[in-house]
Structures are given as structure tokens and as C-alpha cells.
Amino acid sequence: MSVVYLDHNATTPLRPEAREALLEALELGPLNASSAHGAGRAARALLDEARERVAGALGVGEEEILFTSGGTEALNLAVAGTVGRKGGRNHVAASAIEHPAVLAACERYAETTQVVGVLEDGAVRLDEIPREADLVAIQAANSETGTVQDLPAVRAALPDSPLLVDAVQALGKIPIDLDGWGADLAGFSAHKVGGPAGVGVLVRRPGRGLEPLLVGGGQEEGLRAGTEGVAAIHAASIAIQLAVEELEEAARHAAELCELLWSELRAAIPGVLCNGRPPGSPGRLPNTLNVALPEGDGRVLVTRLDLMGLQASAGSACSSGSLEPSPVLAAMGQERDRARRGLRLSCGRTTTHSDIHKAVEILRESQA
């Protein structure tokens, strides 16, 4: 049975270019960029090239790039490194729809956390953003609904507070503009754009001090101890560069498929509802559609759909074990029953028109 994969917001297939880069790097032999011998110097050169490549793609300086084990570690480092210091500042604010990596880090490392509410479409309530905080965390785009935040407006509401932007879902889907966003810290993840899992990036803008989350060695400016996974980082840098270079065409492709999906779903399943901004609206990711189907719990339906040949999700993959309705949909004011029926469908570079038609047919059959 052929399978339709519409869960690209959870992870993406490894790009051929990234796979090739990974294998080529592994063939170079032992790669420890901290070693002084020839193999170590070769690893350092590869790591420096990757840092330069990622910095160029994101429009920042090489010294602003820190490599981590993933988006979760990057975001944890941003929070803990800012407010978790001994005798440091410890009041943060975060939107109610932030990824668990941010919200859990705030809960662990901050003394107090102010939750900023959102509107029905998922947009942050700007009037609830505190004028003063030691750190404010507002995501660029939501992984479940695709809502894109007006970060320049968020920045305007923050005279002095540092702004942490979770840009994991934004990369490769919308333009990355850290200067325009006014971001002081920003987190990214390679496996969301066809890179290998296990590589994240934290951008730390000039003058932004951090304390390390992991200690022991002097890697990554002393802010992330541990031997870098040079081969994976090299492959990740290729994927990130290509994602930025191909953004316009990829976004057009994804938007076309997502609008087709929504149009065919409405025709095939009476009563289907869109959670968040519908396809074709401004201020949303081009590839993401979150729907409430008339019948079935979304988390139960995911298993049934998998058996029928459609791979999708009921929300963030990091919360897949929960039996509770999506906290994101609940924060948007949806009643428990509708939030419980939420289903996320996300397209990617490898998604085809045929995939969309087949997915709609499977979803129609699931409601019979």
C-alpha cells in the first residue's frame, strides 16, 4: 500500500543533497573539530564552512551562530541562558501557543511566567504583552495552525525586553528577517527542511549575553559543551541553504497544494471546519492546514488514517502521547469538542497533487 505523508511540520524526508553531503563528510574519517591534528583541522574547516553557510542563509554574522542538538536544545539554551543564571533575571512572558520546548523551559528556569493570550485566529494579543520582562518568547509561526505572528508589532510593544523567536516552523516557508522582527535570539531546526535530525541552530544577536546550559568543554564559544556532530552539521547547513534559496518556489508549491486540499475537503466532507486562518489568507504558513472533521477524536483518528494510508497528526509531534485536546486550539478559544477533533495536515517539497487527491479520499472514507 502506498502511503501519503502529510506530516511535514513534524519532520521532513532527508534531501538527496543533504544525504550526499552527510555521506561525503563521514568518509573523511574521524571528525572532532577540537583536535589539533590533521583530521581535527579538516573537521574544523568543515564546521567553519557550515557556520558560514548557515549565517549567510539567515542573514547574520558567523559569530552569531551556535549549533545545538536540535530546536529544543536551542530554545532551552535561549531561555535558560537568559533567565536561569544564578542571581540573574527571572521574569518571562510567552504566548499561550508556544511550542512545549519554550513553555516547559520557562516553567523550569523562570521564577514567574506571564502567559500572553491569543485571538481566535491564533494571533498574539499585543495588548497583553508586558512592557517590561526579562525575556519575551513569541514564535514566528505556529506548527499546528500555521498562524504567522506580526513580529514587528510585537517588537514595537517591547521597548527594552529581549525577544526570543521560535522560528523552527518558519524556516523554508516564509522569509527569515531577524532584523525586521527585532529578534535578539532565534531557534531553528534542520530536520524541518530536509536536513538530518539532531542539528539545531540558535542565533544570538550581537551583545546578547548567555550562560551555557551544557558545561564541560569550550565548544561553540563556550556556550554548548560537547563534540560537535560535524558531518550532520555539514549536511544540515546544505539543507538550510537550499531551503532559503528555494523558498519562493517551495512556498508557491505548498500554497497551491494546501488550497487544493482545503477546497476538495469542503466538497467531500460537509461540516469540516478550518482551525485558524484558512488557505489563501494572509498571515499563515503556505503548507499547513488544521481542520476539525465532523466525526472522531483527532488523536484516535490519526491511528485509523495511518492504517488507511495517510500519515498526519493531531498537533505537535512532541505532544503526541497526550490524551488532552490541543492546548493551541484551546488557547484560541475553541470548545473542547472541536479542539478534540483537530487534525493537522502539512505539505512539503515532496508532496504531489496526487497525494492531495488520495488524502481527501481517505479522509472522506474515514468519516463514513
Protein backbone atom coordinates (compact mmCIF):
# COMPACT_ATOMS: atom_id res chain seq x y z
CA MET A 1 0.00 0.00 0.00
CA SER A 2 1.37 3.39 -0.97
CA VAL A 3 1.33 5.95 1.80
CA VAL A 4 0.56 9.68 1.65
CA TYR A 5 2.73 11.67 4.03
CA LEU A 6 1.15 14.94 5.18
CA ASP A 7 3.10 15.50 8.37
CA HIS A 8 5.96 17.68 7.13
CA ASN A 9 5.65 20.01 10.12
CA ALA A 10 6.73 17.08 12.31
CA THR A 11 9.73 16.20 10.15
CA THR A 12 10.70 16.08 6.50
CA PRO A 13 12.38 13.50 4.25
CA LEU A 14 16.14 13.89 4.09
CA ARG A 15 17.05 15.85 0.97
CA PRO A 16 19.27 13.99 -1.52
CA GLU A 17 21.78 16.85 -1.36
CA ALA A 18 21.93 16.61 2.43
CA ARG A 19 22.27 12.83 2.31
CA GLU A 20 25.16 13.12 -0.15
CA ALA A 21 26.86 15.78 1.98
CA LEU A 22 26.47 13.63 5.08
CA LEU A 23 28.00 10.57 3.46
CA GLU A 24 30.86 12.56 1.98
CA ALA A 25 31.69 14.03 5.37
CA LEU A 26 31.56 10.65 7.08
CA GLU A 27 34.03 9.27 4.56
CA LEU A 28 36.61 11.85 5.67
CA GLY A 29 37.23 9.80 8.79
CA PRO A 30 37.12 10.82 12.49
CA LEU A 31 35.80 14.37 12.78
CA ASN A 32 36.49 16.15 16.05
CA ALA A 33 36.82 19.87 15.37
CA SER A 34 38.61 20.39 18.71
CA SER A 35 41.55 18.14 17.81
CA ALA A 36 44.81 19.79 16.71
CA HIS A 37 45.96 17.13 14.25
CA GLY A 38 45.17 16.89 10.55
CA ALA A 39 41.85 15.11 10.95
CA GLY A 40 40.80 17.69 13.54
CA ARG A 41 41.77 20.56 11.26
CA ALA A 42 39.73 19.02 8.45
CA ALA A 43 36.75 18.78 10.81
CA ARG A 44 37.25 22.41 11.91
CA ALA A 45 37.31 23.56 8.28
CA LEU A 46 34.07 21.69 7.56
CA LEU A 47 32.44 23.13 10.68
CA ASP A 48 33.56 26.67 9.81
CA GLU A 49 32.18 26.28 6.30
CA ALA A 50 28.85 25.10 7.69
CA ARG A 51 28.67 28.04 10.09
CA GLU A 52 29.42 30.46 7.26
CA ARG A 53 26.79 28.80 5.06
CA VAL A 54 24.07 28.96 7.73
CA ALA A 55 24.94 32.53 8.69
CA GLY A 56 24.66 33.60 5.06
CA ALA A 57 21.30 31.87 4.67
CA LEU A 58 19.90 33.53 7.79
CA GLY A 59 21.46 36.93 7.15
CA VAL A 60 23.56 37.10 10.32
CA GLY A 61 27.21 37.04 11.27
CA GLU A 62 29.08 33.76 11.69
CA GLU A 63 29.79 34.62 15.32
CA GLU A 64 26.04 34.70 15.95
CA ILE A 65 25.53 31.03 15.03
CA LEU A 66 25.53 28.35 17.74
CA PHE A 67 25.00 24.72 16.75
CA THR A 68 22.94 22.52 19.08
CA SER A 69 21.39 19.06 19.05
CA GLY A 70 18.07 20.41 17.75
CA GLY A 71 15.47 23.12 18.01
CA THR A 72 14.50 22.04 21.51
CA GLU A 73 18.01 22.50 22.86
CA ALA A 74 18.40 25.80 21.03
CA LEU A 75 15.22 27.16 22.63
CA ASN A 76 16.09 25.76 26.05
CA LEU A 77 19.51 27.38 25.85
CA ALA A 78 17.92 30.70 24.91
CA VAL A 79 15.59 30.61 27.92
CA ALA A 80 17.92 29.09 30.50
CA GLY A 81 20.88 31.12 29.28
CA THR A 82 18.94 34.34 29.73
CA VAL A 83 16.90 33.85 32.92
CA GLY A 84 18.33 30.74 34.56
CA ARG A 85 21.57 32.29 35.73
CA LYS A 86 22.46 32.38 39.41
CA GLY A 87 21.36 35.72 40.73
CA GLY A 88 20.09 36.58 37.26
CA ARG A 89 16.80 37.91 35.99
CA ASN A 90 13.90 35.52 36.03
CA HIS A 91 10.61 37.01 34.83
CA VAL A 92 9.48 35.90 31.36
CA ALA A 93 6.44 36.18 29.13
CA ALA A 94 5.43 33.69 26.44
CA SER A 95 2.42 33.25 24.21
CA ALA A 96 -0.07 30.55 25.14
CA ILE A 97 0.62 28.73 21.86
CA GLU A 98 4.41 28.44 22.13
CA HIS A 99 5.97 25.04 21.50
CA PRO A 100 6.37 22.89 24.64
CA ALA A 101 10.15 23.35 24.31
CA VAL A 102 9.66 27.03 25.16
CA LEU A 103 6.85 26.78 27.69
CA ALA A 104 8.48 23.94 29.64
CA ALA A 105 11.80 25.79 29.68
CA CYS A 106 10.09 28.92 31.00
CA GLU A 107 8.38 26.88 33.70
CA ARG A 108 11.67 25.29 34.75
CA TYR A 109 14.05 28.24 34.62
CA ALA A 110 11.97 31.35 35.28
CA GLU A 111 10.67 32.42 38.65
CA THR A 112 7.48 33.76 37.07
CA THR A 113 5.97 33.29 33.63
CA GLN A 114 3.25 35.51 32.20
CA VAL A 115 1.17 33.75 29.54
CA VAL A 116 0.15 36.03 26.67
CA GLY A 117 -3.22 35.13 25.18
CA VAL A 118 -4.14 34.79 21.52
CA LEU A 119 -7.15 35.67 19.37
CA GLU A 120 -9.44 33.18 17.63
CA ASP A 121 -7.14 33.03 14.61
CA GLY A 122 -4.07 32.43 16.77
CA ALA A 123 -2.64 35.95 16.60
CA VAL A 124 -0.97 37.13 19.78
CA ARG A 125 -2.90 39.69 21.84
CA LEU A 126 -0.49 42.59 21.60
CA ASP A 127 -2.15 44.41 24.49
CA GLU A 128 -1.23 41.54 26.82
CA ILE A 129 2.49 41.70 26.07
CA PRO A 130 4.21 43.17 29.14
CA ARG A 131 6.07 46.40 28.70
CA GLU A 132 8.87 45.04 30.85
CA ALA A 133 10.14 41.49 31.08
CA ASP A 134 13.49 39.78 31.27
CA LEU A 135 12.61 37.69 28.22
CA VAL A 136 9.60 37.54 25.90
CA ALA A 137 9.09 34.44 23.74
CA ILE A 138 6.84 34.76 20.69
CA GLN A 139 7.03 32.20 17.88
CA ALA A 140 7.28 33.19 14.25
CA ALA A 141 4.70 30.64 13.12
CA ASN A 142 2.59 28.01 14.81
CA SER A 143 3.27 24.38 13.95
CA GLU A 144 -0.36 23.29 14.35
CA THR A 145 -2.41 26.02 12.69
CA GLY A 146 0.22 27.79 10.57
CA THR A 147 -0.62 31.22 12.00
CA VAL A 148 2.25 33.67 11.40
CA GLN A 149 2.78 36.33 14.04
CA ASP A 150 3.26 40.04 13.34
CA LEU A 151 6.69 40.15 14.95
CA PRO A 152 7.47 43.78 14.07
CA ALA A 153 4.32 44.73 16.00
CA VAL A 154 5.42 42.50 18.87
CA ARG A 155 8.83 44.16 18.87
CA ALA A 156 7.19 47.59 18.94
CA ALA A 157 5.40 46.57 22.14
CA LEU A 158 8.73 45.72 23.79
CA PRO A 159 10.78 48.85 24.43
CA ASP A 160 13.72 47.08 26.03
CA SER A 161 12.91 43.41 26.68
CA PRO A 162 14.86 40.78 24.75
CA LEU A 163 12.75 38.85 22.24
CA LEU A 164 13.15 35.13 21.65
CA VAL A 165 11.65 33.89 18.36
CA ASP A 166 10.99 30.21 17.79
CA ALA A 167 11.50 30.16 14.02
CA VAL A 168 11.60 26.38 13.64
CA GLN A 169 8.42 26.22 11.53
CA ALA A 170 9.15 29.43 9.64
CA LEU A 171 12.38 28.29 8.01
CA GLY A 172 11.88 27.40 4.36
CA LYS A 173 8.25 28.54 4.38
CA ILE A 174 8.35 32.30 4.93
CA PRO A 175 11.24 34.79 4.66
CA ILE A 176 13.51 34.93 7.71
CA ASP A 177 14.05 38.56 8.71
CA LEU A 178 15.64 38.66 12.14
CA ASP A 179 16.42 42.38 11.83
CA GLY A 180 12.87 43.23 10.79
CA TRP A 181 11.47 41.02 13.52
CA GLY A 182 13.69 42.63 16.13
CA ALA A 183 14.72 39.20 17.38
CA ASP A 184 17.51 39.00 19.96
CA LEU A 185 17.51 35.20 19.95
CA ALA A 186 16.06 32.77 17.40
CA GLY A 187 15.91 28.98 17.20
CA PHE A 188 15.90 26.73 14.10
CA SER A 189 15.92 23.01 13.35
CA ALA A 190 17.48 21.29 10.33
CA HIS A 191 15.17 18.29 10.05
CA LYS A 192 12.21 20.56 9.30
CA VAL A 193 13.83 21.47 5.96
CA GLY A 194 15.24 18.20 4.72
CA GLY A 195 18.32 18.09 6.90
CA PRO A 196 19.27 15.34 9.36
CA ALA A 197 17.63 15.17 12.77
CA GLY A 198 19.89 16.11 15.64
CA VAL A 199 21.05 19.52 14.44
CA GLY A 200 19.65 22.81 15.67
CA VAL A 201 20.73 26.41 15.42
CA LEU A 202 20.49 29.21 17.95
CA VAL A 203 21.10 32.70 16.62
CA ARG A 204 22.38 35.06 19.28
CA ARG A 205 22.43 38.65 18.11
CA PRO A 206 25.43 40.90 18.95
CA GLY A 207 25.63 41.96 22.57
CA ARG A 208 23.21 39.30 23.79
CA GLY A 209 24.86 37.51 26.70
CA LEU A 210 24.05 33.91 27.57
CA GLU A 211 25.04 31.40 30.20
CA PRO A 212 25.65 27.84 28.96
CA LEU A 213 23.08 25.13 29.50
CA LEU A 214 25.69 22.37 28.98
CA VAL A 215 29.13 22.79 30.51
CA GLY A 216 32.38 20.89 30.28
CA GLY A 217 34.15 21.96 27.08
CA GLY A 218 34.76 25.16 25.24
CA GLN A 219 32.88 24.33 22.03
CA GLU A 220 30.52 26.84 20.44
CA GLU A 221 32.03 29.89 22.12
CA GLY A 222 31.86 28.03 25.44
CA LEU A 223 28.06 28.05 25.28
CA ARG A 224 27.44 24.45 24.21
CA ALA A 225 29.93 21.94 25.56
CA GLY A 226 30.36 18.68 23.69
CA THR A 227 31.97 17.48 20.49
CA GLU A 228 30.08 18.87 17.51
CA GLY A 229 28.46 16.40 15.12
CA VAL A 230 30.42 17.81 12.21
CA ALA A 231 29.08 15.51 9.48
CA ALA A 232 25.46 16.11 10.45
CA ILE A 233 26.05 19.86 10.83
CA HIS A 234 27.64 19.96 7.38
CA ALA A 235 24.61 18.20 5.86
CA ALA A 236 22.24 20.44 7.83
CA SER A 237 23.91 23.56 6.51
CA ILE A 238 23.35 22.38 2.93
CA ALA A 239 19.66 21.75 3.63
CA ILE A 240 19.21 25.14 5.32
CA GLN A 241 20.93 26.98 2.49
CA LEU A 242 18.77 25.24 -0.14
CA ALA A 243 15.59 25.85 1.86
CA VAL A 244 16.25 29.58 1.83
CA GLU A 245 17.32 29.66 -1.81
CA GLU A 246 14.24 27.71 -2.94
CA LEU A 247 11.81 29.49 -0.62
CA GLU A 248 9.73 31.31 -3.23
CA GLU A 249 9.07 28.24 -5.39
CA ALA A 250 8.55 25.97 -2.39
CA ALA A 251 6.04 28.36 -0.83
CA ARG A 252 4.14 28.66 -4.10
CA HIS A 253 4.03 24.87 -4.48
CA ALA A 254 2.88 24.35 -0.88
CA ALA A 255 0.23 27.07 -1.06
CA GLU A 256 -1.23 25.61 -4.25
CA LEU A 257 -1.47 22.15 -2.71
CA CYS A 258 -2.85 23.42 0.60
CA GLU A 259 -5.57 25.46 -1.10
CA LEU A 260 -6.46 22.46 -3.25
CA LEU A 261 -6.65 20.28 -0.15
CA TRP A 262 -8.98 22.69 1.62
CA SER A 263 -11.18 23.12 -1.44
CA GLU A 264 -11.56 19.38 -2.01
CA LEU A 265 -12.14 18.67 1.68
CA ARG A 266 -15.03 21.14 1.83
CA ALA A 267 -16.58 19.49 -1.22
CA ALA A 268 -16.07 15.94 0.07
CA ILE A 269 -16.88 16.33 3.77
CA PRO A 270 -19.81 18.58 4.70
CA GLY A 271 -19.30 20.24 8.05
CA VAL A 272 -15.49 20.25 8.00
CA LEU A 273 -14.09 23.35 9.72
CA CYS A 274 -10.77 25.17 9.44
CA ASN A 275 -8.91 25.92 12.66
CA GLY A 276 -7.06 29.19 12.30
CA ARG A 277 -6.69 31.25 9.16
CA PRO A 278 -7.88 29.38 6.03
CA PRO A 279 -5.63 28.75 3.00
CA GLY A 280 -5.34 31.81 0.81
CA SER A 281 -5.48 34.20 3.77
CA PRO A 282 -2.54 36.42 4.68
CA GLY A 283 -0.52 35.76 7.81
CA ARG A 284 -0.27 31.98 7.60
CA LEU A 285 2.21 29.32 6.58
CA PRO A 286 1.58 28.22 2.99
CA ASN A 287 1.82 24.50 3.75
CA THR A 288 -0.30 24.00 6.87
CA LEU A 289 -3.99 23.16 7.25
CA ASN A 290 -5.64 22.33 10.57
CA VAL A 291 -9.20 21.03 10.33
CA ALA A 292 -11.94 19.79 12.62
CA LEU A 293 -13.66 16.84 10.99
CA PRO A 294 -17.31 16.13 11.87
CA GLU A 295 -16.57 12.72 13.41
CA GLY A 296 -13.82 11.27 15.56
CA ASP A 297 -11.21 12.29 18.10
CA GLY A 298 -8.22 13.64 16.21
CA ARG A 299 -5.67 11.61 18.18
CA VAL A 300 -7.65 8.40 17.63
CA LEU A 301 -8.29 9.28 14.00
CA VAL A 302 -4.55 9.60 13.35
CA THR A 303 -4.12 5.87 14.02
CA ARG A 304 -7.06 4.97 11.78
CA LEU A 305 -5.79 7.17 8.98
CA ASP A 306 -2.36 5.59 9.25
CA LEU A 307 -3.90 2.17 8.66
CA MET A 308 -5.74 3.61 5.66
CA GLY A 309 -2.55 5.02 4.12
CA LEU A 310 -2.49 8.65 5.31
CA GLN A 311 0.10 9.90 7.77
CA ALA A 312 -0.95 13.09 9.56
CA SER A 313 -1.06 14.34 13.15
CA ALA A 314 -3.39 15.80 15.72
CA GLY A 315 -0.93 18.51 16.77
CA SER A 316 2.71 18.91 17.72
CA ALA A 317 4.58 15.61 17.45
CA CYS A 318 6.19 16.44 20.80
CA SER A 319 2.74 16.18 22.44
CA SER A 320 1.54 13.09 20.58
CA GLY A 321 1.19 11.00 23.73
CA SER A 322 -1.32 13.33 25.38
CA LEU A 323 -4.99 12.45 25.56
CA GLU A 324 -5.98 16.07 26.09
CA PRO A 325 -7.21 18.32 23.27
CA SER A 326 -4.61 20.53 21.64
CA PRO A 327 -3.53 23.32 24.02
CA VAL A 328 -3.07 25.53 20.95
CA LEU A 329 -6.69 25.15 19.82
CA ALA A 330 -7.89 25.55 23.41
CA ALA A 331 -5.90 28.79 23.75
CA MET A 332 -7.64 30.03 20.58
CA GLY A 333 -10.95 29.74 22.43
CA GLN A 334 -12.29 26.60 20.82
CA GLU A 335 -14.67 24.42 22.77
CA ARG A 336 -13.29 21.11 24.00
CA ASP A 337 -15.24 19.01 21.48
CA ARG A 338 -13.98 20.96 18.47
CA ALA A 339 -10.43 21.11 19.78
CA ARG A 340 -10.57 17.36 20.33
CA ARG A 341 -11.38 16.85 16.64
CA GLY A 342 -8.41 18.87 15.37
CA LEU A 343 -6.26 17.29 12.66
CA ARG A 344 -3.09 18.83 11.21
CA LEU A 345 -2.23 18.28 7.56
CA SER A 346 1.09 19.72 6.39
CA CYS A 347 2.53 19.57 2.88
CA GLY A 348 6.17 19.61 1.84
CA ARG A 349 8.62 19.69 -1.01
CA THR A 350 7.84 16.09 -1.99
CA THR A 351 4.03 16.36 -1.80
CA THR A 352 2.18 15.96 -5.12
CA HIS A 353 -1.27 16.73 -6.47
CA SER A 354 -1.93 13.00 -6.50
CA ASP A 355 -1.14 12.89 -2.78
CA ILE A 356 -3.76 15.55 -2.13
CA HIS A 357 -6.47 13.76 -4.09
CA LYS A 358 -5.72 10.47 -2.35
CA ALA A 359 -5.63 12.14 1.08
CA VAL A 360 -9.05 13.68 0.54
CA GLU A 361 -10.49 10.32 -0.48
CA ILE A 362 -9.05 8.65 2.63
CA LEU A 363 -10.39 11.42 4.88
CA ARG A 364 -13.82 11.12 3.25
CA GLU A 365 -13.84 7.37 3.87
CA SER A 366 -12.78 7.90 7.48
CA GLN A 367 -15.97 9.88 8.08
CA ALA A 368 -18.30 7.28 6.57
